[in-house]
Amino acid sequence: MRREATRLGLGLAAGLLLACSTWQADYLAQHVERATQAEVEQKLGRPVLTRPLDGGGTEWVYHVFPRSLFDYPYRGHPYGDGSCEEYLLTFDQQGILTTWLKQDC
């Protein structure tokens, strides 16, 4: 009985983690070391900010508002509860996605 309760608890926790994940995070996780800047821009749209990195490469910044009418990268936010997720994407000198980080805005 205890073992079943533990399994149920672990299953619920995994489900909650997946539910918290956005389609943007899912896309990025599956395309590290594969996607080009053009492919990322086609999928996520234009970044809010781009900046060159000291050692070469580029960093792109996206703002996503997951609990609003606008569940996509968007500059400005006229509606919703103010929740914002910031995605920091790093591309190497060849324009390939190398890392990404999701944090609160």
N, C-alpha and C. Protein backbone atom coordinates (compact mmCIF):
# COMPACT_ATOMS: atom_id res chain seq x y z
N MET A 1 0.82 -1.19 0.00
CA MET A 1 0.00 0.00 0.00
C MET A 1 0.87 1.26 0.00
N ARG A 2 1.91 1.27 0.82
CA ARG A 2 2.80 2.42 0.88
C ARG A 2 3.53 2.64 -0.43
N ARG A 3 3.93 1.55 -1.04
CA ARG A 3 4.64 1.62 -2.31
C ARG A 3 3.74 2.24 -3.39
N GLU A 4 2.48 1.88 -3.40
CA GLU A 4 1.54 2.45 -4.38
C GLU A 4 1.35 3.95 -4.13
N ALA A 5 1.27 4.34 -2.87
CA ALA A 5 1.13 5.76 -2.55
C ALA A 5 2.36 6.55 -3.00
N THR A 6 3.54 5.95 -2.82
CA THR A 6 4.78 6.60 -3.25
C THR A 6 4.78 6.76 -4.76
N ARG A 7 4.40 5.73 -5.48
CA ARG A 7 4.35 5.79 -6.94
C ARG A 7 3.36 6.86 -7.41
N LEU A 8 2.21 6.89 -6.75
CA LEU A 8 1.20 7.89 -7.10
C LEU A 8 1.75 9.29 -6.87
N GLY A 9 2.41 9.49 -5.74
CA GLY A 9 2.99 10.80 -5.43
C GLY A 9 4.04 11.21 -6.45
N LEU A 10 4.90 10.28 -6.82
CA LEU A 10 5.93 10.58 -7.83
C LEU A 10 5.30 10.87 -9.19
N GLY A 11 4.27 10.15 -9.53
CA GLY A 11 3.57 10.39 -10.79
C GLY A 11 2.92 11.76 -10.82
N LEU A 12 2.30 12.15 -9.72
CA LEU A 12 1.70 13.48 -9.64
C LEU A 12 2.75 14.57 -9.72
N ALA A 13 3.88 14.38 -9.05
CA ALA A 13 4.95 15.38 -9.09
C ALA A 13 5.49 15.54 -10.51
N ALA A 14 5.69 14.43 -11.21
CA ALA A 14 6.17 14.50 -12.59
C ALA A 14 5.15 15.19 -13.48
N GLY A 15 3.89 14.91 -13.26
CA GLY A 15 2.83 15.56 -14.03
C GLY A 15 2.81 17.06 -13.81
N LEU A 16 3.00 17.47 -12.57
CA LEU A 16 3.03 18.90 -12.27
C LEU A 16 4.22 19.59 -12.92
N LEU A 17 5.37 18.94 -12.93
CA LEU A 17 6.54 19.52 -13.59
C LEU A 17 6.30 19.69 -15.08
N LEU A 18 5.69 18.69 -15.69
CA LEU A 18 5.40 18.80 -17.12
C LEU A 18 4.37 19.88 -17.39
N ALA A 19 3.40 20.00 -16.51
CA ALA A 19 2.37 21.02 -16.70
C ALA A 19 2.94 22.42 -16.59
N CYS A 20 4.01 22.58 -15.81
CA CYS A 20 4.64 23.89 -15.65
C CYS A 20 5.53 24.25 -16.83
N SER A 21 5.87 23.28 -17.62
CA SER A 21 6.74 23.52 -18.76
C SER A 21 5.94 24.15 -19.89
N THR A 22 6.54 25.12 -20.56
CA THR A 22 5.88 25.76 -21.69
C THR A 22 6.35 25.11 -22.98
N TRP A 23 5.61 25.35 -24.05
CA TRP A 23 6.02 24.77 -25.33
C TRP A 23 7.35 25.36 -25.77
N GLN A 24 7.66 26.59 -25.35
CA GLN A 24 8.94 27.19 -25.70
C GLN A 24 10.09 26.41 -25.05
N ALA A 25 9.94 26.09 -23.77
CA ALA A 25 10.96 25.33 -23.06
C ALA A 25 11.12 23.94 -23.66
N ASP A 26 10.02 23.31 -24.02
CA ASP A 26 10.08 22.00 -24.65
C ASP A 26 10.83 22.07 -25.98
N TYR A 27 10.53 23.07 -26.78
CA TYR A 27 11.20 23.23 -28.07
C TYR A 27 12.70 23.43 -27.87
N LEU A 28 13.08 24.34 -26.98
CA LEU A 28 14.49 24.64 -26.77
C LEU A 28 15.25 23.42 -26.25
N ALA A 29 14.65 22.69 -25.31
CA ALA A 29 15.30 21.50 -24.75
C ALA A 29 15.59 20.47 -25.83
N GLN A 30 14.72 20.37 -26.81
CA GLN A 30 14.89 19.38 -27.87
C GLN A 30 15.81 19.83 -28.99
N HIS A 31 16.17 21.13 -29.01
CA HIS A 31 16.93 21.65 -30.15
C HIS A 31 18.29 22.25 -29.80
N VAL A 32 18.77 22.04 -28.58
CA VAL A 32 20.11 22.49 -28.21
C VAL A 32 21.12 21.74 -29.07
N GLU A 33 22.12 22.47 -29.54
CA GLU A 33 23.19 21.94 -30.41
C GLU A 33 22.67 21.52 -31.79
N ARG A 34 21.44 21.89 -32.13
CA ARG A 34 20.88 21.53 -33.44
C ARG A 34 20.28 22.71 -34.17
N ALA A 35 19.52 23.53 -33.47
CA ALA A 35 18.75 24.59 -34.13
C ALA A 35 19.65 25.78 -34.49
N THR A 36 19.39 26.36 -35.65
CA THR A 36 20.08 27.58 -36.06
C THR A 36 19.29 28.79 -35.57
N GLN A 37 19.91 29.96 -35.66
CA GLN A 37 19.21 31.18 -35.29
C GLN A 37 17.96 31.35 -36.15
N ALA A 38 18.06 31.06 -37.43
CA ALA A 38 16.90 31.20 -38.33
C ALA A 38 15.77 30.27 -37.91
N GLU A 39 16.10 29.05 -37.53
CA GLU A 39 15.07 28.09 -37.11
C GLU A 39 14.41 28.53 -35.80
N VAL A 40 15.21 29.02 -34.86
CA VAL A 40 14.65 29.48 -33.59
C VAL A 40 13.76 30.69 -33.83
N GLU A 41 14.21 31.61 -34.67
CA GLU A 41 13.39 32.79 -34.94
C GLU A 41 12.09 32.43 -35.64
N GLN A 42 12.15 31.43 -36.51
CA GLN A 42 10.93 30.99 -37.19
C GLN A 42 9.94 30.41 -36.18
N LYS A 43 10.43 29.70 -35.17
CA LYS A 43 9.57 29.06 -34.18
C LYS A 43 9.12 30.04 -33.09
N LEU A 44 10.04 30.86 -32.56
CA LEU A 44 9.73 31.72 -31.42
C LEU A 44 9.47 33.17 -31.79
N GLY A 45 9.78 33.55 -33.01
CA GLY A 45 9.63 34.94 -33.41
C GLY A 45 10.90 35.73 -33.13
N ARG A 46 10.81 37.03 -33.35
CA ARG A 46 11.97 37.90 -33.13
C ARG A 46 12.22 38.07 -31.63
N PRO A 47 13.47 38.01 -31.21
CA PRO A 47 13.77 38.23 -29.79
C PRO A 47 13.55 39.68 -29.38
N VAL A 48 13.35 39.89 -28.10
CA VAL A 48 13.19 41.23 -27.55
C VAL A 48 14.52 41.98 -27.64
N LEU A 49 15.62 41.24 -27.43
CA LEU A 49 16.95 41.84 -27.39
C LEU A 49 17.97 40.85 -27.93
N THR A 50 18.95 41.34 -28.66
CA THR A 50 20.09 40.51 -29.07
C THR A 50 21.35 41.27 -28.67
N ARG A 51 22.37 40.52 -28.25
CA ARG A 51 23.64 41.16 -27.89
C ARG A 51 24.80 40.21 -28.20
N PRO A 52 25.91 40.77 -28.69
CA PRO A 52 27.08 39.94 -28.96
C PRO A 52 27.74 39.51 -27.66
N LEU A 53 28.36 38.34 -27.67
CA LEU A 53 29.08 37.83 -26.51
C LEU A 53 30.57 38.09 -26.70
N ASP A 54 31.29 38.28 -25.61
CA ASP A 54 32.71 38.61 -25.66
C ASP A 54 33.53 37.58 -26.43
N GLY A 55 33.30 36.31 -26.20
CA GLY A 55 34.08 35.26 -26.85
C GLY A 55 33.56 34.88 -28.21
N GLY A 56 32.64 35.65 -28.77
CA GLY A 56 31.99 35.30 -30.03
C GLY A 56 30.64 34.70 -29.75
N GLY A 57 29.83 34.68 -30.74
CA GLY A 57 28.47 34.19 -30.56
C GLY A 57 27.54 35.32 -30.17
N THR A 58 26.30 34.94 -29.88
CA THR A 58 25.25 35.92 -29.62
C THR A 58 24.33 35.41 -28.53
N GLU A 59 23.78 36.33 -27.77
CA GLU A 59 22.74 35.99 -26.80
C GLU A 59 21.44 36.65 -27.25
N TRP A 60 20.37 35.88 -27.24
CA TRP A 60 19.04 36.39 -27.56
C TRP A 60 18.19 36.33 -26.30
N VAL A 61 17.31 37.33 -26.14
CA VAL A 61 16.42 37.40 -24.99
C VAL A 61 14.98 37.41 -25.48
N TYR A 62 14.17 36.53 -24.89
CA TYR A 62 12.73 36.48 -25.16
C TYR A 62 11.97 36.69 -23.86
N HIS A 63 10.84 37.35 -23.93
CA HIS A 63 9.91 37.44 -22.80
C HIS A 63 8.62 36.75 -23.20
N VAL A 64 8.17 35.85 -22.36
CA VAL A 64 6.96 35.06 -22.62
C VAL A 64 6.01 35.26 -21.44
N PHE A 65 4.73 35.39 -21.76
CA PHE A 65 3.70 35.61 -20.75
C PHE A 65 2.74 34.42 -20.78
N PRO A 66 3.05 33.33 -20.05
CA PRO A 66 2.32 32.07 -20.20
C PRO A 66 0.89 32.07 -19.69
N ARG A 67 0.54 32.94 -18.77
CA ARG A 67 -0.81 32.90 -18.21
C ARG A 67 -1.67 34.03 -18.75
N SER A 68 -1.43 34.40 -19.97
CA SER A 68 -2.21 35.48 -20.56
C SER A 68 -2.76 35.03 -21.90
N LEU A 69 -3.41 35.93 -22.58
CA LEU A 69 -3.88 35.64 -23.93
C LEU A 69 -2.71 35.46 -24.88
N PHE A 70 -1.54 35.96 -24.48
CA PHE A 70 -0.37 35.95 -25.35
C PHE A 70 0.64 34.93 -24.85
N ASP A 71 0.46 33.66 -25.16
CA ASP A 71 1.40 32.63 -24.76
C ASP A 71 2.47 32.49 -25.84
N TYR A 72 3.16 33.57 -26.09
CA TYR A 72 4.25 33.56 -27.07
C TYR A 72 5.17 34.73 -26.77
N PRO A 73 6.36 34.73 -27.35
CA PRO A 73 7.27 35.84 -27.12
C PRO A 73 6.64 37.15 -27.58
N TYR A 74 6.68 38.16 -26.76
CA TYR A 74 5.94 39.38 -27.05
C TYR A 74 6.60 40.56 -26.34
N ARG A 75 6.82 41.63 -27.06
CA ARG A 75 7.39 42.83 -26.46
C ARG A 75 6.24 43.69 -25.94
N GLY A 76 6.21 43.89 -24.64
CA GLY A 76 5.09 44.60 -24.03
C GLY A 76 4.03 43.61 -23.62
N HIS A 77 3.17 44.00 -22.73
CA HIS A 77 2.18 43.06 -22.22
C HIS A 77 0.95 43.81 -21.76
N PRO A 78 -0.05 43.98 -22.63
CA PRO A 78 -1.21 44.77 -22.25
C PRO A 78 -2.24 44.05 -21.39
N TYR A 79 -2.21 42.72 -21.35
CA TYR A 79 -3.22 41.95 -20.62
C TYR A 79 -2.56 40.92 -19.72
N GLY A 80 -3.36 40.29 -18.89
CA GLY A 80 -2.88 39.17 -18.09
C GLY A 80 -2.52 39.58 -16.68
N ASP A 81 -1.92 38.64 -15.97
CA ASP A 81 -1.63 38.85 -14.55
C ASP A 81 -0.22 39.36 -14.29
N GLY A 82 0.50 39.70 -15.32
CA GLY A 82 1.84 40.24 -15.14
C GLY A 82 2.93 39.19 -15.04
N SER A 83 2.57 37.90 -15.07
CA SER A 83 3.62 36.88 -15.01
C SER A 83 4.45 36.95 -16.28
N CYS A 84 5.75 36.78 -16.14
CA CYS A 84 6.65 36.88 -17.28
C CYS A 84 7.78 35.88 -17.10
N GLU A 85 8.09 35.17 -18.15
CA GLU A 85 9.24 34.27 -18.17
C GLU A 85 10.23 34.83 -19.18
N GLU A 86 11.49 34.87 -18.78
CA GLU A 86 12.54 35.35 -19.67
C GLU A 86 13.38 34.15 -20.09
N TYR A 87 13.60 34.05 -21.39
CA TYR A 87 14.45 33.01 -21.94
C TYR A 87 15.72 33.66 -22.47
N LEU A 88 16.88 33.19 -22.00
CA LEU A 88 18.17 33.65 -22.48
C LEU A 88 18.77 32.54 -23.33
N LEU A 89 18.92 32.79 -24.61
CA LEU A 89 19.44 31.80 -25.54
C LEU A 89 20.84 32.21 -25.97
N THR A 90 21.76 31.26 -26.00
CA THR A 90 23.12 31.51 -26.44
C THR A 90 23.37 30.74 -27.73
N PHE A 91 23.92 31.45 -28.70
CA PHE A 91 24.29 30.85 -29.99
C PHE A 91 25.79 30.97 -30.17
N ASP A 92 26.40 29.95 -30.76
CA ASP A 92 27.83 30.01 -31.02
C ASP A 92 28.12 30.86 -32.26
N GLN A 93 29.38 30.93 -32.65
CA GLN A 93 29.78 31.77 -33.78
C GLN A 93 29.17 31.31 -35.10
N GLN A 94 28.77 30.05 -35.18
CA GLN A 94 28.11 29.54 -36.38
C GLN A 94 26.60 29.73 -36.34
N GLY A 95 26.09 30.31 -35.26
CA GLY A 95 24.65 30.56 -35.16
C GLY A 95 23.85 29.36 -34.71
N ILE A 96 24.48 28.42 -33.99
CA ILE A 96 23.80 27.22 -33.48
C ILE A 96 23.47 27.44 -32.00
N LEU A 97 22.25 27.09 -31.61
CA LEU A 97 21.82 27.20 -30.22
C LEU A 97 22.69 26.29 -29.35
N THR A 98 23.37 26.88 -28.36
CA THR A 98 24.23 26.07 -27.50
C THR A 98 23.68 25.90 -26.09
N THR A 99 23.05 26.94 -25.54
CA THR A 99 22.46 26.84 -24.20
C THR A 99 21.22 27.76 -24.14
N TRP A 100 20.40 27.49 -23.14
CA TRP A 100 19.27 28.38 -22.87
C TRP A 100 18.96 28.31 -21.40
N LEU A 101 18.36 29.37 -20.90
CA LEU A 101 18.01 29.48 -19.50
C LEU A 101 16.65 30.15 -19.40
N LYS A 102 15.80 29.60 -18.55
CA LYS A 102 14.48 30.19 -18.30
C LYS A 102 14.48 30.75 -16.89
N GLN A 103 14.05 32.00 -16.73
CA GLN A 103 13.97 32.64 -15.43
C GLN A 103 12.81 33.61 -15.42
N ASP A 104 12.45 34.09 -14.24
CA ASP A 104 11.42 35.12 -14.14
C ASP A 104 11.96 36.43 -14.65
N CYS A 105 11.10 37.24 -15.25
CA CYS A 105 11.49 38.57 -15.74
C CYS A 105 11.67 39.51 -14.56
